[in-house]
Amino acid sequence: MSSRSSRTEQRLDLPQTITVGRVLRPHGLRGEVAVEVLSDVPERLAAGSELLLNRANEPAVTVTVVASRPHRAGVLVRFDGIEDRDRAAALRGAWLEVERSRVPAPPAGTYYQYELVGCRCSGAGQELGRVVDLVEDGGGWLLIVSDGQRQLPVPFVQRFLRAVDVAAGTIELELPPGLLETCASRS
């Protein structure tokens, strides 16, 4: 994959915060919560970490991780000031986020999902639409590209990518003949 511009340029459509976890449920009686981890950076939920806790219809608040430990497919976390089951239960469904500026640059040739969503896609000299979602299908990632009339799943693989420029918000695709006609669906 090629990238023709610097990642330091600012795209206006990028989110200001990046989701790194989701509170699933309280655990035990002392304020711990089970968290689904949505980050590849293990230190995100380590003791001393500060995160934004975002609940529906409420302003985000900063929380500090007091302790965390692995648990099943996620982690158990205790936040400063949350010391009983009732207060922990009130966090159910909250999103844990960090400022985008705290996200390290990805390795060369790789991209974060939030960088790809919103990118304009073109191929064979025509505009195809924007990336509206990414879906893992067991064989890799699919870009879901929509022009408002149809959706096109495109495998996010090297042979279909001519150029990816996340700073400009563009992806140039080299689609095999017939893919557009065969795979596009009316949305």
Protein backbone atom coordinates (compact mmCIF):
# COMPACT_ATOMS: atom_id res chain seq x y z
CA MET A 1 0.00 0.00 0.00
CA SER A 2 1.31 3.40 -0.77
CA SER A 3 0.73 6.60 1.08
CA ARG A 4 1.52 9.89 -0.57
CA SER A 5 1.08 12.35 2.25
CA SER A 6 2.00 12.72 5.89
CA ARG A 7 -0.22 11.41 8.68
CA THR A 8 0.42 14.65 10.55
CA GLU A 9 -2.02 16.50 8.31
CA GLN A 10 -5.41 16.97 9.94
CA ARG A 11 -8.54 15.50 8.38
CA LEU A 12 -11.61 17.26 9.66
CA ASP A 13 -13.72 14.09 9.69
CA LEU A 14 -11.48 12.15 12.10
CA PRO A 15 -12.83 11.64 15.63
CA GLN A 16 -11.24 13.62 18.46
CA THR A 17 -11.32 10.57 20.75
CA ILE A 18 -10.64 6.92 20.02
CA THR A 19 -12.52 4.12 21.78
CA VAL A 20 -10.19 1.71 23.60
CA GLY A 21 -12.70 -0.28 25.67
CA ARG A 22 -16.28 -0.83 26.75
CA VAL A 23 -17.54 -1.47 30.27
CA LEU A 24 -19.55 -4.69 30.17
CA ARG A 25 -20.77 -5.26 33.74
CA PRO A 26 -19.82 -4.99 37.41
CA HIS A 27 -17.67 -7.77 38.87
CA GLY A 28 -17.75 -8.59 42.56
CA LEU A 29 -18.65 -6.22 45.37
CA ARG A 30 -15.67 -3.82 45.49
CA GLY A 31 -16.23 -1.71 42.39
CA GLU A 32 -14.48 -3.72 39.69
CA VAL A 33 -15.94 -3.81 36.19
CA ALA A 34 -15.39 -6.24 33.33
CA VAL A 35 -14.06 -4.38 30.28
CA GLU A 36 -13.96 -5.45 26.64
CA VAL A 37 -10.58 -4.26 25.34
CA LEU A 38 -10.69 -2.52 21.94
CA SER A 39 -7.03 -1.47 21.76
CA ASP A 40 -3.80 -3.13 20.72
CA VAL A 41 -1.90 -1.08 23.32
CA PRO A 42 -1.86 -3.14 26.54
CA GLU A 43 -0.93 -0.18 28.78
CA ARG A 44 -4.21 1.60 27.97
CA LEU A 45 -5.92 0.00 30.96
CA ALA A 46 -2.92 -0.29 33.31
CA ALA A 47 -2.96 1.20 36.81
CA GLY A 48 -2.44 4.97 36.64
CA SER A 49 -3.93 5.35 33.15
CA GLU A 50 -6.37 8.20 32.60
CA LEU A 51 -9.27 7.57 30.26
CA LEU A 52 -12.39 9.39 29.17
CA LEU A 53 -15.53 7.58 30.31
CA ASN A 54 -18.34 8.30 27.89
CA ARG A 55 -21.95 7.37 28.69
CA ALA A 56 -24.95 8.05 26.48
CA ASN A 57 -26.48 11.51 26.96
CA GLU A 58 -23.84 12.58 29.49
CA PRO A 59 -20.64 14.57 29.11
CA ALA A 60 -17.45 12.49 29.15
CA VAL A 61 -15.56 12.43 32.45
CA THR A 62 -11.93 11.57 33.12
CA VAL A 63 -11.37 8.43 35.18
CA THR A 64 -8.15 6.97 36.57
CA VAL A 65 -7.46 3.24 36.59
CA VAL A 66 -6.50 2.12 40.11
CA ALA A 67 -6.00 -1.55 39.24
CA SER A 68 -6.51 -3.93 36.33
CA ARG A 69 -6.01 -7.62 35.72
CA PRO A 70 -6.71 -10.06 32.90
CA HIS A 71 -10.07 -11.80 33.00
CA ARG A 72 -11.43 -14.16 30.35
CA ALA A 73 -11.30 -12.31 27.00
CA GLY A 74 -10.92 -8.87 28.58
CA VAL A 75 -9.78 -7.25 31.81
CA LEU A 76 -11.19 -6.40 35.21
CA VAL A 77 -10.68 -2.73 36.05
CA ARG A 78 -11.18 -0.68 39.19
CA PHE A 79 -11.44 3.10 38.81
CA ASP A 80 -10.62 5.73 41.40
CA GLY A 81 -13.80 6.65 43.31
CA ILE A 82 -15.76 3.56 42.24
CA GLU A 83 -15.68 1.37 45.32
CA ASP A 84 -18.89 -0.64 45.42
CA ARG A 85 -21.02 -2.77 43.13
CA ASP A 86 -23.80 -0.17 42.74
CA ARG A 87 -21.41 2.52 41.47
CA ALA A 88 -19.71 -0.03 39.22
CA ALA A 89 -23.09 -1.13 37.83
CA ALA A 90 -23.83 2.48 36.85
CA LEU A 91 -20.88 2.29 34.41
CA ARG A 92 -22.38 -0.59 32.43
CA GLY A 93 -22.25 0.17 28.70
CA ALA A 94 -19.90 3.15 29.03
CA TRP A 95 -17.19 3.62 26.42
CA LEU A 96 -13.56 4.18 27.43
CA GLU A 97 -11.71 6.57 25.16
CA VAL A 98 -8.40 8.40 24.74
CA GLU A 99 -7.61 11.62 22.90
CA ARG A 100 -6.59 10.88 19.32
CA SER A 101 -3.30 12.70 19.95
CA ARG A 102 -2.37 9.90 22.42
CA VAL A 103 -2.66 7.19 19.76
CA PRO A 104 0.76 6.17 18.42
CA ALA A 105 1.32 6.17 14.67
CA PRO A 106 0.68 2.73 13.20
CA PRO A 107 3.55 0.80 11.60
CA ALA A 108 4.28 1.70 7.97
CA GLY A 109 1.77 0.22 5.55
CA THR A 110 -0.88 -0.31 8.23
CA TYR A 111 -3.87 1.80 9.23
CA TYR A 112 -6.25 2.22 12.10
CA GLN A 113 -9.91 1.55 11.37
CA TYR A 114 -10.89 5.09 12.35
CA GLU A 115 -8.48 6.42 9.69
CA LEU A 116 -10.16 4.42 6.92
CA VAL A 117 -13.81 5.15 7.77
CA GLY A 118 -14.88 8.19 5.78
CA CYS A 119 -12.23 7.81 3.06
CA ARG A 120 -13.45 8.44 -0.48
CA CYS A 121 -12.88 5.43 -2.74
CA SER A 122 -12.36 5.40 -6.48
CA GLY A 123 -11.53 2.72 -8.99
CA ALA A 124 -11.38 2.32 -12.75
CA GLY A 125 -11.83 6.06 -13.17
CA GLN A 126 -15.06 6.32 -11.19
CA GLU A 127 -16.05 7.40 -7.70
CA LEU A 128 -17.34 4.43 -5.72
CA GLY A 129 -18.37 6.15 -2.49
CA ARG A 130 -17.02 6.40 1.04
CA VAL A 131 -15.92 3.76 3.51
CA VAL A 132 -18.83 3.51 5.96
CA ASP A 133 -17.67 0.46 7.91
CA LEU A 134 -15.04 -2.24 8.18
CA VAL A 135 -16.07 -5.84 8.74
CA GLU A 136 -13.88 -8.79 9.63
CA ASP A 137 -15.15 -11.78 7.67
CA GLY A 138 -12.81 -14.49 8.90
CA GLY A 139 -10.52 -14.16 5.89
CA GLY A 140 -9.52 -10.56 6.55
CA TRP A 141 -11.05 -7.11 6.58
CA LEU A 142 -13.66 -5.83 4.15
CA LEU A 143 -14.14 -2.14 3.43
CA ILE A 144 -17.86 -1.42 3.15
CA VAL A 145 -18.04 1.32 0.54
CA SER A 146 -21.32 3.18 0.01
CA ASP A 147 -22.40 5.87 -2.42
CA GLY A 148 -25.82 6.23 -0.80
CA GLN A 149 -27.46 4.01 -3.40
CA ARG A 150 -25.43 0.83 -3.13
CA GLN A 151 -22.92 -0.86 -0.87
CA LEU A 152 -19.82 -2.61 -2.07
CA PRO A 153 -17.73 -4.92 0.13
CA VAL A 154 -14.08 -4.68 -0.95
CA PRO A 155 -11.40 -6.94 0.51
CA PHE A 156 -8.75 -4.73 2.14
CA VAL A 157 -5.86 -6.58 0.54
CA GLN A 158 -2.73 -5.36 -1.21
CA ARG A 159 -3.72 -6.52 -4.69
CA PHE A 160 -6.91 -4.39 -4.68
CA LEU A 161 -5.20 -1.26 -3.34
CA ARG A 162 -3.47 1.15 -5.67
CA ALA A 163 -2.95 3.91 -3.08
CA VAL A 164 -4.14 4.70 0.44
CA ASP A 165 -3.80 8.30 1.59
CA VAL A 166 -5.42 8.58 5.01
CA ALA A 167 -4.33 12.22 5.42
CA ALA A 168 -6.24 13.19 2.27
CA GLY A 169 -9.00 10.69 3.03
CA THR A 170 -8.71 8.80 -0.24
CA ILE A 171 -8.31 5.19 -1.31
CA GLU A 172 -7.62 4.28 -4.94
CA LEU A 173 -8.74 0.74 -5.71
CA GLU A 174 -7.82 -1.60 -8.51
CA LEU A 175 -10.84 -3.88 -8.63
CA PRO A 176 -10.96 -7.07 -10.66
CA PRO A 177 -13.36 -7.05 -13.61
CA GLY A 178 -16.94 -7.82 -12.57
CA LEU A 179 -16.51 -7.22 -8.82
CA LEU A 180 -18.59 -4.05 -8.82
CA GLU A 181 -21.45 -5.60 -10.79
CA THR A 182 -21.37 -8.88 -8.85
CA CYS A 183 -20.89 -7.72 -5.28
CA ALA A 184 -22.60 -4.33 -5.06
CA SER A 185 -25.94 -4.36 -3.29
CA ARG A 186 -28.66 -1.74 -3.06
CA SER A 187 -28.73 -0.19 0.40
